[in-house]
Amino acid sequence: MSTVNVQPTTSARAAVTYALLGTGARRAEHTKDATTRAARFTCSMESPEAIVARAEQVSAAFGRRNEMYTYTQNFSPEEFDVKNPEHVQRVHDLGVKLAKRMNSADFLVVTHTDSAGGHLHNHIYVVNHDNLTGKSLSRCRSWSRGLRQVNDELMRDEGCQVLPDPQQPKPDWDLRRGGFKEGGFEQILGDKVMEALLDPRSVDREAFEQVLAEHEVRLRVTDRDGWTYSMRRADNGKWGRRKASSLCDEFQSSKVEEVFDFHKQNNQKGEHDERVRQAQAGAAADLGHVASLDVAARRNRTTDERTNESRERRERVPSRDGRGAERGAEESPHVDLAAARAELADAARRRDQEQALRDREDAERRREATERERAREAERRKRSEAIRSRLVLDDEEPSVAAHDDDYGLG
């Protein structure tokens, strides 16, 4: 049983970095240890960096505001156990199958086991470019128009449970944060609240408030506004606040209580999920330059490195769909619009030439088939005429003989 939701994102790099490294202390730890928060990930290109570069390239070349569409596919803990490696792999495979069913576009599927409520979920990042049409995505861009139906159909085909009375799920923080300004007050506040929720010490409201205080966040509860989170703003140093409902449904009282119960159960069992950590370490081995996703690190690269990468990109011939095997030049924070458009134009021209060749070959095959059919039809007509001629002759011969006989007898 799974629910799915979608939201466009204007920054593929920020979205993918969050999926692989997280934020705050978790991100610093993953960066230091060269690990990732992903239990599993699958990329249709050679690496996450490559797919980010692809999203940035087509967005700049075609003037598209949205670089990617991000999907969250959440599974019920009653059906899949977050601590079962086979279940983790199964959920990941379902995410990959959904990505392939939705669109003909490049994608990255990241499976997480570190949700606050302890459920398995996939993050699916799809480049806003249909490789078949060369246009922006048109399918599965909203829950009510195709997305839910495709996901439910996949669940039925794979023998999974399907919600009997589907209702549009409210987006969780992993999806909701993309709707706020990158590095803005709301996004930073929400990230800190989520960090506190993920902390296993948050077993009740009092403990939760103590963990929030470590992140310099306060919780206020009133009958009128419910739960409200506040922290000092970076722009003016004053305290700013946001209602939990305006940030994310996960941050409201009823949902947070479920997280408390989950942490209590885990703490009572005293279980430590080494298998998941091993899976995360194994996924990191094939990550492919995750550290390069950090914008600050990218900006610290030397001019010589960017120059060499630009030269290498120009020398490499991209594949026929416009995706080069290497995208070093795209790692520059400044997108070369002319080069990007030229590369895409070359790819489009090659596609057109190959399509024209296929069209000519198809036309030749159709012409030959038509000629063969005409020859067969002419042969059939010839045989039919011959058969009719024999039948006519056979009918006339008895008639003439009878007439002669009658004339003679008379």
Protein backbone atom coordinates (compact mmCIF):
# COMPACT_ATOMS: atom_id res chain seq x y z
CA MET A 1 0.00 0.00 0.00
CA SER A 2 1.47 3.34 -0.99
CA THR A 3 0.54 6.95 -1.43
CA VAL A 4 2.27 9.29 -3.84
CA ASN A 5 2.54 13.03 -4.23
CA VAL A 6 4.36 15.42 -6.53
CA GLN A 7 5.79 18.92 -6.55
CA PRO A 8 7.91 20.83 -9.08
CA THR A 9 11.31 22.13 -8.04
CA THR A 10 13.31 25.02 -9.44
CA SER A 11 16.61 23.67 -8.09
CA ALA A 12 17.53 20.10 -9.00
CA ARG A 13 20.84 20.46 -7.18
CA ALA A 14 19.27 21.47 -3.89
CA ALA A 15 16.65 18.73 -4.07
CA VAL A 16 19.08 15.93 -4.87
CA THR A 17 21.60 17.14 -2.29
CA TYR A 18 18.91 17.04 0.39
CA ALA A 19 17.86 13.53 -0.64
CA LEU A 20 21.40 12.17 -0.49
CA LEU A 21 22.98 14.15 2.36
CA GLY A 22 20.17 15.71 4.38
CA THR A 23 20.76 18.92 6.31
CA GLY A 24 22.58 20.23 9.36
CA ALA A 25 24.59 17.81 11.45
CA ARG A 26 23.51 14.82 9.39
CA ARG A 27 24.78 16.43 6.22
CA ALA A 28 28.09 17.34 7.83
CA GLU A 29 28.51 13.77 9.08
CA HIS A 30 27.71 12.22 5.69
CA THR A 31 30.07 14.63 3.95
CA LYS A 32 32.86 13.86 6.41
CA ASP A 33 32.42 10.07 6.17
CA ALA A 34 31.68 10.03 2.41
CA THR A 35 28.35 8.29 3.09
CA THR A 36 24.77 9.02 2.18
CA ARG A 37 21.39 8.85 3.88
CA ALA A 38 20.08 6.75 0.98
CA ALA A 39 19.45 3.09 1.77
CA ARG A 40 19.26 2.45 -1.98
CA PHE A 41 19.43 4.64 -5.05
CA THR A 42 19.12 4.10 -8.81
CA CYS A 43 20.03 6.67 -11.44
CA SER A 44 19.16 6.42 -15.13
CA MET A 45 22.42 8.23 -15.88
CA GLU A 46 25.96 7.54 -14.70
CA SER A 47 25.69 9.43 -11.40
CA PRO A 48 23.49 11.83 -9.40
CA GLU A 49 25.78 14.68 -10.44
CA ALA A 50 25.16 13.81 -14.09
CA ILE A 51 21.40 13.93 -13.71
CA VAL A 52 21.59 17.26 -11.88
CA ALA A 53 23.72 18.65 -14.71
CA ARG A 54 21.21 17.32 -17.22
CA ALA A 55 18.33 19.05 -15.42
CA GLU A 56 20.24 22.34 -15.24
CA GLN A 57 21.23 22.09 -18.89
CA VAL A 58 17.79 21.59 -20.39
CA SER A 59 16.23 24.13 -18.03
CA ALA A 60 18.73 26.80 -19.12
CA ALA A 61 18.56 25.88 -22.80
CA PHE A 62 14.76 25.96 -23.03
CA GLY A 63 14.10 28.66 -20.42
CA ARG A 64 12.15 26.34 -18.10
CA ARG A 65 11.59 27.50 -14.55
CA ASN A 66 11.13 23.99 -13.12
CA GLU A 67 14.24 21.85 -13.46
CA MET A 68 12.67 18.70 -12.01
CA TYR A 69 9.49 17.15 -10.70
CA THR A 70 9.94 15.50 -7.32
CA TYR A 71 7.73 12.65 -6.12
CA THR A 72 7.39 11.01 -2.72
CA GLN A 73 6.07 7.45 -2.61
CA ASN A 74 5.25 6.44 0.97
CA PHE A 75 4.56 2.84 2.02
CA SER A 76 2.61 1.59 4.99
CA PRO A 77 4.70 0.08 7.82
CA GLU A 78 2.00 -2.61 8.06
CA GLU A 79 3.03 -3.90 4.62
CA PHE A 80 6.79 -3.24 4.55
CA ASP A 81 9.16 -3.35 7.51
CA VAL A 82 11.76 -0.60 7.52
CA LYS A 83 14.25 -2.97 9.21
CA ASN A 84 13.91 -5.77 6.67
CA PRO A 85 16.57 -5.46 3.91
CA GLU A 86 14.40 -7.46 1.49
CA HIS A 87 11.52 -5.06 2.07
CA VAL A 88 13.85 -2.11 1.52
CA GLN A 89 14.94 -3.54 -1.83
CA ARG A 90 11.34 -4.34 -2.77
CA VAL A 91 10.19 -0.79 -2.05
CA HIS A 92 13.12 0.61 -4.02
CA ASP A 93 12.28 -1.56 -7.02
CA LEU A 94 8.69 -0.30 -6.90
CA GLY A 95 9.98 3.27 -7.01
CA VAL A 96 12.10 2.54 -10.08
CA LYS A 97 9.15 0.90 -11.83
CA LEU A 98 6.94 3.90 -11.05
CA ALA A 99 9.56 6.31 -12.45
CA LYS A 100 9.69 4.34 -15.70
CA ARG A 101 5.90 4.18 -16.00
CA MET A 102 5.31 7.86 -15.43
CA ASN A 103 7.44 9.44 -18.15
CA SER A 104 10.18 8.88 -20.73
CA ALA A 105 12.65 11.04 -18.84
CA ASP A 106 15.87 10.67 -16.87
CA PHE A 107 15.31 9.94 -13.20
CA LEU A 108 16.90 9.32 -9.82
CA VAL A 109 15.18 7.11 -7.23
CA VAL A 110 16.35 7.41 -3.61
CA THR A 111 14.97 5.13 -0.90
CA HIS A 112 15.00 6.35 2.70
CA THR A 113 14.64 4.38 5.91
CA ASP A 114 15.21 7.34 8.23
CA SER A 115 11.73 8.85 8.33
CA ALA A 116 10.49 10.20 11.64
CA GLY A 117 7.57 7.78 11.68
CA GLY A 118 9.58 4.72 10.66
CA HIS A 119 8.07 4.01 7.24
CA LEU A 120 9.82 3.20 4.00
CA HIS A 121 9.54 5.80 1.28
CA ASN A 122 11.01 6.68 -2.09
CA HIS A 123 12.03 10.04 -3.47
CA ILE A 124 11.79 10.10 -7.24
CA TYR A 125 13.46 12.98 -9.08
CA VAL A 126 12.50 13.29 -12.75
CA VAL A 127 14.18 15.74 -15.14
CA ASN A 128 11.64 18.10 -16.68
CA HIS A 129 12.43 16.95 -20.21
CA ASP A 130 10.73 14.17 -22.17
CA ASN A 131 13.43 12.36 -24.12
CA LEU A 132 10.90 11.20 -26.74
CA THR A 133 9.21 14.50 -27.50
CA GLY A 134 11.98 16.92 -26.53
CA LYS A 135 9.41 18.93 -24.56
CA SER A 136 8.74 19.51 -20.87
CA LEU A 137 6.87 16.79 -18.96
CA SER A 138 3.12 16.60 -19.52
CA ARG A 139 2.14 13.38 -17.69
CA CYS A 140 1.74 12.63 -13.98
CA ARG A 141 2.27 16.21 -12.85
CA SER A 142 -0.61 16.19 -10.36
CA TRP A 143 -2.14 13.67 -7.97
CA SER A 144 -5.59 13.74 -9.56
CA ARG A 145 -4.50 13.66 -13.21
CA GLY A 146 -2.70 10.42 -13.81
CA LEU A 147 -0.29 10.14 -10.89
CA ARG A 148 -2.54 8.30 -8.42
CA GLN A 149 -3.93 6.07 -11.16
CA VAL A 150 -0.47 5.05 -12.40
CA ASN A 151 0.71 4.32 -8.85
CA ASP A 152 -2.40 2.30 -7.96
CA GLU A 153 -2.11 0.33 -11.19
CA LEU A 154 1.51 -0.48 -10.35
CA MET A 155 0.52 -1.64 -6.86
CA ARG A 156 -2.13 -3.97 -8.30
CA ASP A 157 0.25 -5.36 -10.94
CA GLU A 158 2.89 -6.03 -8.27
CA GLY A 159 0.48 -7.69 -5.84
CA CYS A 160 0.63 -4.86 -3.29
CA GLN A 161 -2.23 -3.39 -1.33
CA VAL A 162 -4.18 -0.50 -2.85
CA LEU A 163 -6.03 2.13 -0.83
CA PRO A 164 -9.75 1.31 -1.14
CA ASP A 165 -10.84 4.93 -0.74
CA PRO A 166 -8.01 7.07 -2.11
CA GLN A 167 -7.63 10.56 -0.80
CA GLN A 168 -4.93 12.99 -1.79
CA PRO A 169 -2.14 12.67 0.79
CA LYS A 170 -0.76 15.77 2.40
CA PRO A 171 2.86 16.34 1.38
CA ASP A 172 5.47 15.49 3.99
CA TRP A 173 8.38 17.79 4.80
CA ASP A 174 10.74 16.14 2.34
CA LEU A 175 8.40 17.25 -0.43
CA ARG A 176 6.99 20.39 1.16
CA ARG A 177 10.37 22.03 1.75
CA GLY A 178 10.91 22.36 -1.99
CA GLY A 179 8.02 24.81 -2.15
CA PHE A 180 9.80 27.30 0.10
CA LYS A 181 12.64 29.61 -0.85
CA GLU A 182 15.99 27.84 -0.85
CA GLY A 183 17.80 28.83 2.35
CA GLY A 184 14.83 30.94 3.45
CA PHE A 185 13.37 31.25 6.93
CA GLU A 186 10.65 28.64 6.45
CA GLN A 187 12.96 26.05 4.94
CA ILE A 188 15.62 26.44 7.64
CA LEU A 189 13.00 26.33 10.41
CA GLY A 190 11.36 23.24 8.95
CA ASP A 191 14.71 21.48 8.56
CA LYS A 192 15.50 22.10 12.23
CA VAL A 193 12.09 20.82 13.35
CA MET A 194 12.58 17.69 11.25
CA GLU A 195 16.04 17.15 12.73
CA ALA A 196 14.49 17.29 16.19
CA LEU A 197 11.75 14.85 15.21
CA LEU A 198 14.32 12.39 13.88
CA ASP A 199 16.22 12.49 17.16
CA PRO A 200 15.44 9.28 19.12
CA ARG A 201 15.37 11.31 22.34
CA SER A 202 12.10 12.93 21.21
CA VAL A 203 9.82 10.51 23.04
CA ASP A 204 7.38 13.10 24.43
CA ARG A 205 6.62 16.78 24.17
CA GLU A 206 8.98 17.81 26.97
CA ALA A 207 11.92 15.92 25.46
CA PHE A 208 11.01 17.23 22.02
CA GLU A 209 11.15 20.82 23.25
CA GLN A 210 14.59 20.18 24.77
CA VAL A 211 15.89 18.82 21.47
CA LEU A 212 14.32 21.79 19.63
CA ALA A 213 16.15 24.13 22.02
CA GLU A 214 19.44 22.57 20.97
CA HIS A 215 18.56 23.69 17.45
CA GLU A 216 17.59 27.16 18.77
CA VAL A 217 13.91 26.58 18.03
CA ARG A 218 11.00 27.16 20.39
CA LEU A 219 7.61 25.46 20.48
CA ARG A 220 4.52 27.35 21.57
CA VAL A 221 1.10 25.74 22.01
CA THR A 222 -2.13 27.80 22.12
CA ASP A 223 -5.82 26.97 21.73
CA ARG A 224 -6.11 29.42 18.86
CA ASP A 225 -3.06 28.59 16.75
CA GLY A 226 -2.25 25.07 17.91
CA TRP A 227 1.47 24.31 17.61
CA THR A 228 3.74 27.16 16.51
CA TYR A 229 7.50 27.00 15.94
CA SER A 230 9.79 30.02 16.20
CA MET A 231 13.46 30.94 15.82
CA ARG A 232 15.57 34.02 15.18
CA ARG A 233 15.59 35.22 11.61
CA ALA A 234 18.94 35.48 9.88
CA ASP A 235 17.99 38.68 8.01
CA ASN A 236 17.03 40.94 10.93
CA GLY A 237 17.85 38.96 14.09
CA LYS A 238 14.24 39.10 15.29
CA TRP A 239 12.18 36.11 16.35
CA GLY A 240 9.99 34.78 13.57
CA ARG A 241 7.33 32.12 13.89
CA ARG A 242 5.26 29.83 11.71
CA LYS A 243 2.27 27.68 12.51
CA ALA A 244 2.91 23.97 12.20
CA SER A 245 0.02 23.72 9.74
CA SER A 246 1.66 26.28 7.44
CA LEU A 247 4.92 24.34 7.35
CA CYS A 248 3.88 20.71 7.13
CA ASP A 249 1.21 18.33 8.37
CA GLU A 250 3.97 16.20 9.94
CA PHE A 251 4.77 18.99 12.40
CA GLN A 252 1.30 19.16 13.95
CA SER A 253 0.39 17.66 17.29
CA SER A 254 -1.38 14.51 16.09
CA LYS A 255 1.44 13.49 13.74
CA VAL A 256 4.20 14.35 16.20
CA GLU A 257 2.57 12.14 18.84
CA GLU A 258 2.87 9.21 16.42
CA VAL A 259 6.60 9.94 16.13
CA PHE A 260 6.92 9.98 19.91
CA ASP A 261 5.31 6.53 20.12
CA PHE A 262 7.65 5.23 17.42
CA HIS A 263 10.74 6.43 19.29
CA LYS A 264 9.45 4.95 22.55
CA GLN A 265 9.01 1.54 20.97
CA ASN A 266 12.47 1.62 19.45
CA ASN A 267 14.08 2.75 22.67
CA GLN A 268 12.32 0.02 24.64
CA LYS A 269 13.50 -2.65 22.23
CA GLY A 270 17.02 -1.23 22.21
CA GLU A 271 17.47 -2.24 18.59
CA HIS A 272 20.17 -0.72 16.44
CA ASP A 273 19.71 -1.15 12.71
CA GLU A 274 23.21 -2.14 11.56
CA ARG A 275 21.87 -3.70 8.40
CA VAL A 276 20.46 -0.38 7.22
CA ARG A 277 23.77 1.36 7.96
CA GLN A 278 25.60 -1.27 5.94
CA ALA A 279 23.15 -0.78 3.08
CA GLN A 280 23.75 2.96 3.21
CA ALA A 281 27.52 2.45 3.17
CA GLY A 282 27.18 0.10 0.20
CA ALA A 283 25.09 2.63 -1.69
CA ALA A 284 27.69 5.32 -1.02
CA ALA A 285 30.37 3.24 -2.76
CA ASP A 286 28.68 3.86 -6.13
CA LEU A 287 27.47 7.37 -5.39
CA GLY A 288 29.69 9.10 -7.90
CA HIS A 289 30.90 12.50 -6.71
CA VAL A 290 28.14 13.26 -4.20
CA ALA A 291 30.39 15.81 -2.53
CA SER A 292 30.38 17.82 -5.75
CA LEU A 293 26.69 18.52 -5.23
CA ASP A 294 27.60 21.02 -2.53
CA VAL A 295 27.33 24.45 -4.14
CA ALA A 296 29.97 26.08 -1.95
CA ALA A 297 32.48 23.34 -2.70
CA ARG A 298 31.79 23.68 -6.40
CA ARG A 299 32.44 27.39 -6.30
CA ASN A 300 35.82 26.82 -4.66
CA ARG A 301 37.16 24.86 -7.62
CA THR A 302 39.98 26.44 -9.53
CA THR A 303 39.60 28.24 -12.83
CA ASP A 304 41.94 25.73 -14.49
CA GLU A 305 39.66 22.84 -13.52
CA ARG A 306 36.61 24.55 -14.98
CA THR A 307 38.52 25.40 -18.15
CA ASN A 308 39.66 21.80 -18.60
CA GLU A 309 36.17 20.50 -17.95
CA SER A 310 34.70 22.90 -20.51
CA ARG A 311 37.24 21.80 -23.11
CA GLU A 312 36.56 18.13 -22.37
CA ARG A 313 32.81 18.63 -22.75
CA ARG A 314 33.25 20.28 -26.13
CA GLU A 315 35.51 17.49 -27.31
CA ARG A 316 33.16 14.69 -26.29
CA VAL A 317 30.33 13.85 -28.67
CA PRO A 318 27.03 13.53 -26.77
CA SER A 319 24.78 10.54 -27.29
CA ARG A 320 21.93 10.81 -29.74
CA ASP A 321 19.42 11.96 -27.14
CA GLY A 322 21.65 14.87 -26.10
CA ARG A 323 23.05 13.26 -22.95
CA GLY A 324 26.82 13.26 -23.05
CA ALA A 325 28.79 10.60 -21.26
CA GLU A 326 30.56 13.41 -19.46
CA ARG A 327 29.17 16.71 -18.26
CA GLY A 328 32.16 18.38 -16.68
CA ALA A 329 31.32 21.81 -18.03
CA GLU A 330 27.96 21.73 -16.33
CA GLU A 331 29.71 21.70 -12.96
CA SER A 332 30.47 25.37 -13.42
CA PRO A 333 28.02 27.51 -11.45
CA HIS A 334 27.54 29.65 -14.57
CA VAL A 335 25.66 27.82 -17.33
CA ASP A 336 26.99 28.36 -20.85
CA LEU A 337 23.66 28.94 -22.60
CA ALA A 338 25.14 29.06 -26.08
CA ALA A 339 27.02 25.81 -25.60
CA ALA A 340 24.00 24.13 -24.03
CA ARG A 341 21.72 25.19 -26.87
CA ALA A 342 24.30 24.14 -29.45
CA GLU A 343 24.65 20.72 -27.85
CA LEU A 344 20.90 20.21 -27.75
CA ALA A 345 20.54 21.48 -31.31
CA ASP A 346 23.18 19.00 -32.48
CA ALA A 347 21.41 16.19 -30.67
CA ALA A 348 18.07 17.23 -32.17
CA ARG A 349 19.62 17.45 -35.65
CA ARG A 350 21.04 13.94 -35.28
CA ARG A 351 17.71 12.65 -34.07
CA ASP A 352 16.01 14.28 -37.08
CA GLN A 353 18.55 12.77 -39.48
CA GLU A 354 18.19 9.33 -37.96
CA GLN A 355 14.41 9.67 -37.99
CA ALA A 356 14.48 10.77 -41.63
CA LEU A 357 16.60 7.71 -42.48
CA ARG A 358 14.17 5.47 -40.65
CA ASP A 359 11.26 7.15 -42.46
CA ARG A 360 12.92 6.55 -45.83
CA GLU A 361 13.59 2.92 -44.98
CA ASP A 362 9.99 2.51 -43.81
CA ALA A 363 8.72 4.15 -47.00
CA GLU A 364 10.89 1.83 -49.12
CA ARG A 365 9.60 -1.19 -47.25
CA ARG A 366 6.03 -0.01 -47.70
CA ARG A 367 6.63 0.59 -51.43
CA GLU A 368 8.10 -2.87 -51.86
CA ALA A 369 5.23 -4.41 -49.94
CA THR A 370 2.76 -2.49 -52.10
CA GLU A 371 4.46 -3.68 -55.28
CA ARG A 372 4.39 -7.27 -54.06
CA GLU A 373 0.73 -6.95 -53.19
CA ARG A 374 -0.04 -5.47 -56.63
CA ALA A 375 1.81 -8.32 -58.31
CA ARG A 376 -0.09 -10.88 -56.26
CA GLU A 377 -3.38 -9.13 -57.04
CA ALA A 378 -2.58 -9.08 -60.78
CA GLU A 379 -1.76 -12.78 -60.64
CA ARG A 380 -5.03 -13.49 -58.85
CA ARG A 381 -6.97 -11.52 -61.45
CA LYS A 382 -5.19 -13.39 -64.23
CA ARG A 383 -6.07 -16.74 -62.70
CA SER A 384 -9.65 -15.65 -62.11
CA GLU A 385 -10.03 -14.57 -65.74
CA ALA A 386 -8.66 -17.89 -66.92
CA ILE A 387 -11.04 -19.81 -64.71
CA ARG A 388 -14.02 -17.73 -65.88
CA SER A 389 -13.04 -18.28 -69.53
CA ARG A 390 -13.00 -22.05 -69.07
CA LEU A 391 -16.36 -21.98 -67.35
CA VAL A 392 -17.91 -20.00 -70.18
CA LEU A 393 -16.57 -22.42 -72.78
CA ASP A 394 -17.85 -25.40 -70.82
CA ASP A 395 -21.35 -23.84 -70.61
CA GLU A 396 -21.55 -23.05 -74.37
CA GLU A 397 -20.49 -26.46 -75.75
CA PRO A 398 -23.56 -28.50 -74.58
CA SER A 399 -25.93 -25.79 -75.79
CA VAL A 400 -24.56 -25.83 -79.33
CA ALA A 401 -24.67 -29.62 -79.48
CA ALA A 402 -28.34 -29.76 -78.45
CA HIS A 403 -29.31 -27.20 -81.05
CA ASP A 404 -27.64 -29.20 -83.78
CA ASP A 405 -29.40 -32.35 -82.66
CA ASP A 406 -32.81 -30.65 -82.69
CA TYR A 407 -32.18 -29.18 -86.15
CA GLY A 408 -31.22 -32.56 -87.52
CA LEU A 409 -34.29 -34.32 -86.15
CA GLY A 410 -36.59 -31.77 -87.57
